[in-house]
Amino acid sequence: MAEDGCIFRFINMVLDRAPQTLALLSVLGLLVVLPPILSSTYAAPDRKAADQGDARAQYSLGVMYERGRGVAQDYTQALFWYRKAADQGHALAQGNLGLMYEWGEGVVQNFVQAHKWFNITAAHSTGESRELAVKNRDILERKMTQAQVAEAQKIAQEWKPKTD
C-alpha cells in the first residue's frame, strides 16, 4: 500500500490547487473536506519570515523545494525547511519529514526517523492530521523490527518542540 504514504503530500497538493469552492474528495477510502481557498494561485512564502522563525513560511519553503515550485527541486533544502518547521510543532512539516525519511528523499532511508516523525505528529495533532499520521505510522511498522519500533517510540517521547 505505497499509496497510503502519499496522503500528506496529496492533501498538500490539493490545498495548493483547490478552487475557491468547497471540495469533497474520496482519497483511499477517506473523506477529506477542504475549506474554501481564498486564492488558487500559488503564493510564494515570505523568505524573511521563514528566516525569522515563522513555521508556516518554513513549511511553505519546504514544499517549494520538494516540488520544485519557483526554485530548482532540492530535497536537501526541503528537508532543512521542513525540519525547522517540524521542530516548532508544525504537523504537516512533521508528516512530510516522516515521508522523506521513509522514502529516502534528501536523506538516507531511515524507518526509525520516519516512525518518530509520524508518532510526533500523531501525539501533537488532532483530527485528520492525527488520523493520517497514525495510518502512516502503522503502515510503516509493518516494515520494521520490534527493536526499531521501540527505538522510534523512545526518541519520539523524548522530543520537545524548539522555541528559539
Protein backbone atom coordinates (compact mmCIF):
# COMPACT_ATOMS: atom_id res chain seq x y z
CA MET A 1 0.00 0.00 0.00
CA ALA A 2 2.60 2.57 -1.04
CA GLU A 3 -0.25 4.91 -1.94
CA ASP A 4 -1.13 5.35 1.75
CA GLY A 5 2.19 7.10 2.42
CA CYS A 6 1.25 9.78 -0.12
CA ILE A 7 -1.74 11.08 1.81
CA PHE A 8 0.05 14.04 3.43
CA ARG A 9 1.53 15.14 0.12
CA PHE A 10 -1.75 14.61 -1.71
CA ILE A 11 -3.62 16.82 0.72
CA ASN A 12 -0.92 19.48 0.46
CA MET A 13 -1.12 19.31 -3.35
CA VAL A 14 -4.90 19.63 -3.30
CA LEU A 15 -4.70 22.58 -0.90
CA ASP A 16 -2.26 24.27 -3.30
CA ARG A 17 -4.60 23.77 -6.24
CA ALA A 18 -8.03 23.85 -4.60
CA PRO A 19 -10.69 26.00 -6.25
CA GLN A 20 -12.49 28.68 -4.26
CA THR A 21 -15.45 26.39 -3.66
CA LEU A 22 -15.82 23.64 -1.11
CA ALA A 23 -14.48 20.35 -2.43
CA LEU A 24 -15.14 16.84 -1.22
CA LEU A 25 -12.68 14.17 -2.25
CA SER A 26 -12.57 10.48 -1.61
CA VAL A 27 -8.96 9.55 -1.03
CA LEU A 28 -8.09 5.92 -0.37
CA GLY A 29 -11.34 5.46 1.49
CA LEU A 30 -11.01 8.70 3.45
CA LEU A 31 -13.35 11.63 3.05
CA VAL A 32 -11.37 14.86 3.00
CA VAL A 33 -13.22 18.15 3.36
CA LEU A 34 -11.34 21.16 2.02
CA PRO A 35 -12.42 24.64 3.10
CA PRO A 36 -12.73 27.41 0.50
CA ILE A 37 -9.34 28.74 -0.52
CA LEU A 38 -9.06 32.49 -1.00
CA SER A 39 -6.79 32.15 -4.00
CA SER A 40 -5.97 29.18 -6.17
CA THR A 41 -2.72 30.80 -7.31
CA TYR A 42 0.44 29.79 -5.56
CA ALA A 43 1.79 32.46 -3.23
CA ALA A 44 5.50 32.26 -2.55
CA PRO A 45 6.29 32.19 1.16
CA ASP A 46 7.97 35.12 2.81
CA ARG A 47 11.65 34.14 2.99
CA LYS A 48 12.29 36.80 5.62
CA ALA A 49 9.52 35.36 7.80
CA ALA A 50 10.99 31.88 7.37
CA ASP A 51 14.44 33.15 8.33
CA GLN A 52 12.89 34.79 11.40
CA GLY A 53 11.35 31.51 12.52
CA ASP A 54 7.81 31.54 11.09
CA ALA A 55 6.89 27.84 10.93
CA ARG A 56 4.25 28.29 8.22
CA ALA A 57 6.70 30.11 5.96
CA GLN A 58 9.35 27.48 6.67
CA TYR A 59 6.91 24.70 5.79
CA SER A 60 5.96 26.51 2.57
CA LEU A 61 9.62 26.82 1.57
CA GLY A 62 10.00 23.09 2.21
CA VAL A 63 7.09 22.41 -0.14
CA MET A 64 8.61 24.70 -2.80
CA TYR A 65 11.95 22.92 -2.67
CA GLU A 66 10.45 19.44 -2.51
CA ARG A 67 8.27 20.04 -5.56
CA GLY A 68 10.49 22.43 -7.47
CA ARG A 69 7.91 25.24 -7.41
CA GLY A 70 9.61 28.50 -8.31
CA VAL A 71 13.00 27.01 -7.39
CA ALA A 72 15.07 24.06 -8.53
CA GLN A 73 13.90 20.88 -6.81
CA ASP A 74 16.23 20.29 -3.88
CA TYR A 75 15.40 17.63 -1.31
CA THR A 76 18.21 18.79 0.97
CA GLN A 77 16.69 22.28 1.17
CA ALA A 78 13.20 20.80 1.55
CA LEU A 79 14.45 18.71 4.46
CA PHE A 80 16.14 21.76 6.02
CA TRP A 81 12.96 23.89 5.95
CA TYR A 82 10.62 21.04 6.96
CA ARG A 83 12.85 20.30 9.95
CA LYS A 84 12.82 23.95 11.06
CA ALA A 85 9.01 24.00 10.91
CA ALA A 86 8.66 20.50 12.39
CA ASP A 87 10.91 21.40 15.32
CA GLN A 88 8.35 24.08 16.18
CA GLY A 89 5.47 21.61 16.06
CA HIS A 90 4.14 22.17 12.51
CA ALA A 91 2.18 18.95 11.90
CA LEU A 92 2.32 18.90 8.08
CA ALA A 93 6.07 19.54 8.14
CA GLN A 94 6.45 16.69 10.63
CA GLY A 95 4.43 14.38 8.40
CA ASN A 96 6.44 15.34 5.32
CA LEU A 97 9.68 14.74 7.22
CA GLY A 98 8.38 11.29 8.06
CA LEU A 99 7.71 10.63 4.38
CA MET A 100 11.14 11.89 3.33
CA TYR A 101 12.80 9.54 5.81
CA GLU A 102 10.54 6.66 4.80
CA TRP A 103 11.32 7.11 1.10
CA GLY A 104 14.92 8.28 1.42
CA GLU A 105 14.36 11.65 -0.24
CA GLY A 106 17.21 14.02 0.66
CA VAL A 107 18.33 11.63 3.40
CA VAL A 108 19.36 8.03 3.79
CA GLN A 109 16.18 5.98 4.16
CA ASN A 110 15.54 5.59 7.90
CA PHE A 111 12.36 3.92 9.14
CA VAL A 112 13.13 4.79 12.78
CA GLN A 113 13.25 8.51 11.96
CA ALA A 114 10.16 8.24 9.76
CA HIS A 115 8.23 6.47 12.52
CA LYS A 116 9.45 9.06 15.04
CA TRP A 117 8.03 11.94 12.97
CA PHE A 118 4.72 10.17 12.28
CA ASN A 119 4.45 9.39 16.00
CA ILE A 120 5.19 13.00 16.98
CA THR A 121 2.57 14.23 14.53
CA ALA A 122 0.03 11.77 15.92
CA ALA A 123 0.79 12.76 19.52
CA HIS A 124 0.56 16.52 18.94
CA SER A 125 -2.26 16.77 16.37
CA THR A 126 -5.98 16.32 16.25
CA GLY A 127 -8.50 15.38 13.60
CA GLU A 128 -7.38 14.39 10.12
CA SER A 129 -3.71 15.23 10.70
CA ARG A 130 -3.64 12.81 13.61
CA GLU A 131 -5.52 10.09 11.73
CA LEU A 132 -3.18 10.33 8.74
CA ALA A 133 -0.08 10.22 10.93
CA VAL A 134 -1.38 7.16 12.77
CA LYS A 135 -2.20 5.44 9.48
CA ASN A 136 1.24 6.20 8.00
CA ARG A 137 2.97 5.12 11.22
CA ASP A 138 1.02 1.86 11.42
CA ILE A 139 1.76 1.00 7.78
CA LEU A 140 5.44 1.75 8.29
CA GLU A 141 5.57 -0.50 11.38
CA ARG A 142 4.93 -3.49 9.10
CA LYS A 143 8.36 -2.87 7.55
CA MET A 144 10.17 -2.51 10.90
CA THR A 145 11.54 -4.83 13.56
CA GLN A 146 10.22 -4.61 17.12
CA ALA A 147 13.55 -3.11 18.19
CA GLN A 148 13.25 -0.37 15.57
CA VAL A 149 9.69 0.45 16.65
CA ALA A 150 10.76 0.60 20.30
CA GLU A 151 13.66 2.92 19.43
CA ALA A 152 11.40 5.19 17.36
CA GLN A 153 8.84 5.37 20.17
CA LYS A 154 11.55 6.23 22.69
CA ILE A 155 13.01 9.09 20.68
CA ALA A 156 9.53 10.40 19.84
CA GLN A 157 8.66 10.51 23.56
CA GLU A 158 11.87 12.43 24.26
CA TRP A 159 11.18 15.01 21.51
CA LYS A 160 10.34 18.56 22.59
CA PRO A 161 9.49 21.48 20.30
CA LYS A 162 12.20 24.11 19.95
CA THR A 163 11.31 27.66 20.83
CA ASP A 164 14.46 29.54 19.78
